[in-house]
Amino acid sequence: MAKREFKNNRIKEIVKNIADDFRYSQDMGEYALLFYKADGDGMISGAQIDKMLEYVTTGLEELSKNIEWREEFLKDNAGIDEIKMLQNMKTIEEEYIELRNFLAK
C-alpha cells in the first residue's frame, strides 16, 4: 500500500492550511475529514492519496477558471479587497500545485 508521510515542513503547512480552511467553515464532508485526519496523523495512505490528489486537481481547475475571471474583473474595477482576494487565490493555487506534485510521486 502506498504511503505518504509529511516529513517536509512545507507539505505539513499546506495540509494544515487546507484543514484549517475546512475547520473555519465547519465543514464535515468527506474531503474535510480527509484533511483533518491527514493533519493529525502527519501522513496518508492508499485511497486517501487518490482522494487528496482528486481534491487538489479539481481545486486547481476551479481556481484557474476563477483567477482568469478575477484578473479580467480587476482590469475594470481595481480595489484593494479584490486585489487581496486575487493574491490569496494565487497563494492557494501555489500550495495546491506543491501538494499535487508531492502526492503524484
Protein backbone atom coordinates (compact mmCIF):
# COMPACT_ATOMS: atom_id res chain seq x y z
CA MET A 1 0.00 0.00 0.00
CA ALA A 2 1.34 3.41 -0.96
CA LYS A 3 2.01 5.82 1.87
CA ARG A 4 2.97 9.49 2.00
CA GLU A 5 4.43 10.87 5.22
CA PHE A 6 4.55 14.63 5.63
CA LYS A 7 8.23 14.92 6.56
CA ASN A 8 8.69 18.20 4.69
CA ASN A 9 7.58 21.18 6.80
CA ARG A 10 6.15 22.94 3.73
CA ILE A 11 3.86 19.99 2.94
CA LYS A 12 2.81 19.82 6.61
CA GLU A 13 1.99 23.54 6.48
CA ILE A 14 -0.05 23.17 3.27
CA VAL A 15 -2.09 20.25 4.64
CA LYS A 16 -2.66 22.19 7.87
CA ASN A 17 -3.74 25.31 5.93
CA ILE A 18 -6.31 23.34 3.94
CA ALA A 19 -7.55 21.56 7.08
CA ASP A 20 -7.81 24.93 8.84
CA ASP A 21 -9.86 26.33 5.94
CA PHE A 22 -12.26 23.42 6.38
CA ARG A 23 -12.30 23.97 10.16
CA TYR A 24 -13.07 27.65 9.69
CA SER A 25 -16.09 26.79 7.56
CA GLN A 26 -17.03 23.97 9.97
CA ASP A 27 -17.15 21.56 7.05
CA MET A 28 -17.56 17.89 7.96
CA GLY A 29 -17.67 16.50 4.43
CA GLU A 30 -15.54 13.71 3.00
CA TYR A 31 -12.67 15.95 1.91
CA ALA A 32 -12.71 17.92 5.16
CA LEU A 33 -12.45 14.74 7.20
CA LEU A 34 -9.61 13.55 4.97
CA PHE A 35 -7.61 16.72 5.60
CA TYR A 36 -8.41 16.74 9.33
CA LYS A 37 -7.10 13.18 9.60
CA ALA A 38 -4.04 13.88 7.45
CA ASP A 39 -3.22 16.97 9.52
CA GLY A 40 -3.49 14.99 12.74
CA ASP A 41 -1.68 11.86 11.54
CA GLY A 42 1.05 13.56 9.51
CA MET A 43 0.54 11.05 6.71
CA ILE A 44 -1.92 9.47 4.30
CA SER A 45 -2.02 6.12 2.56
CA GLY A 46 -3.81 4.05 -0.05
CA ALA A 47 -7.06 5.50 -1.36
CA GLN A 48 -6.56 8.63 0.77
CA ILE A 49 -3.73 9.66 -1.57
CA ASP A 50 -6.02 9.37 -4.58
CA LYS A 51 -8.81 11.32 -2.83
CA MET A 52 -6.47 14.12 -1.79
CA LEU A 53 -4.98 14.23 -5.29
CA GLU A 54 -8.50 14.42 -6.72
CA TYR A 55 -9.31 17.32 -4.38
CA VAL A 56 -6.26 19.43 -5.29
CA THR A 57 -6.56 18.67 -9.01
CA THR A 58 -10.21 19.71 -9.08
CA GLY A 59 -9.39 22.72 -6.93
CA LEU A 60 -6.68 23.80 -9.35
CA GLU A 61 -9.06 23.55 -12.29
CA GLU A 62 -11.63 25.69 -10.47
CA LEU A 63 -9.03 28.21 -9.29
CA SER A 64 -7.70 28.57 -12.80
CA LYS A 65 -11.15 29.49 -14.11
CA ASN A 66 -11.78 31.85 -11.22
CA ILE A 67 -8.35 33.53 -11.39
CA GLU A 68 -8.81 34.29 -15.08
CA TRP A 69 -12.19 35.86 -14.35
CA ARG A 70 -10.81 37.86 -11.41
CA GLU A 71 -7.94 39.22 -13.50
CA GLU A 72 -10.39 40.44 -16.14
CA PHE A 73 -12.60 41.95 -13.45
CA LEU A 74 -9.65 43.80 -11.90
CA LYS A 75 -8.80 45.48 -15.18
CA ASP A 76 -12.06 47.41 -14.92
CA ASN A 77 -12.59 47.51 -11.13
CA ALA A 78 -9.37 48.00 -9.22
CA GLY A 79 -9.98 47.65 -5.49
CA ILE A 80 -7.88 46.65 -2.51
CA ASP A 81 -10.22 43.84 -1.43
CA GLU A 82 -10.27 42.31 -4.90
CA ILE A 83 -6.50 42.51 -5.19
CA LYS A 84 -6.06 40.81 -1.81
CA MET A 85 -8.55 38.13 -2.86
CA LEU A 86 -6.61 37.50 -6.06
CA GLN A 87 -3.33 37.26 -4.12
CA ASN A 88 -4.91 34.75 -1.72
CA MET A 89 -6.22 32.68 -4.63
CA LYS A 90 -2.75 32.61 -6.20
CA THR A 91 -1.25 31.50 -2.86
CA ILE A 92 -3.81 28.70 -2.66
CA GLU A 93 -3.01 27.72 -6.24
CA GLU A 94 0.71 27.51 -5.42
CA GLU A 95 0.00 25.36 -2.36
CA TYR A 96 -2.26 23.03 -4.34
CA ILE A 97 0.42 22.62 -7.02
CA GLU A 98 3.05 21.78 -4.39
CA LEU A 99 0.74 19.27 -2.72
CA ARG A 100 -0.27 17.73 -6.07
CA ASN A 101 3.38 17.27 -7.01
CA PHE A 102 4.11 15.66 -3.62
CA LEU A 103 1.15 13.29 -3.90
CA ALA A 104 1.85 12.30 -7.50
CA LYS A 105 5.36 10.97 -6.73
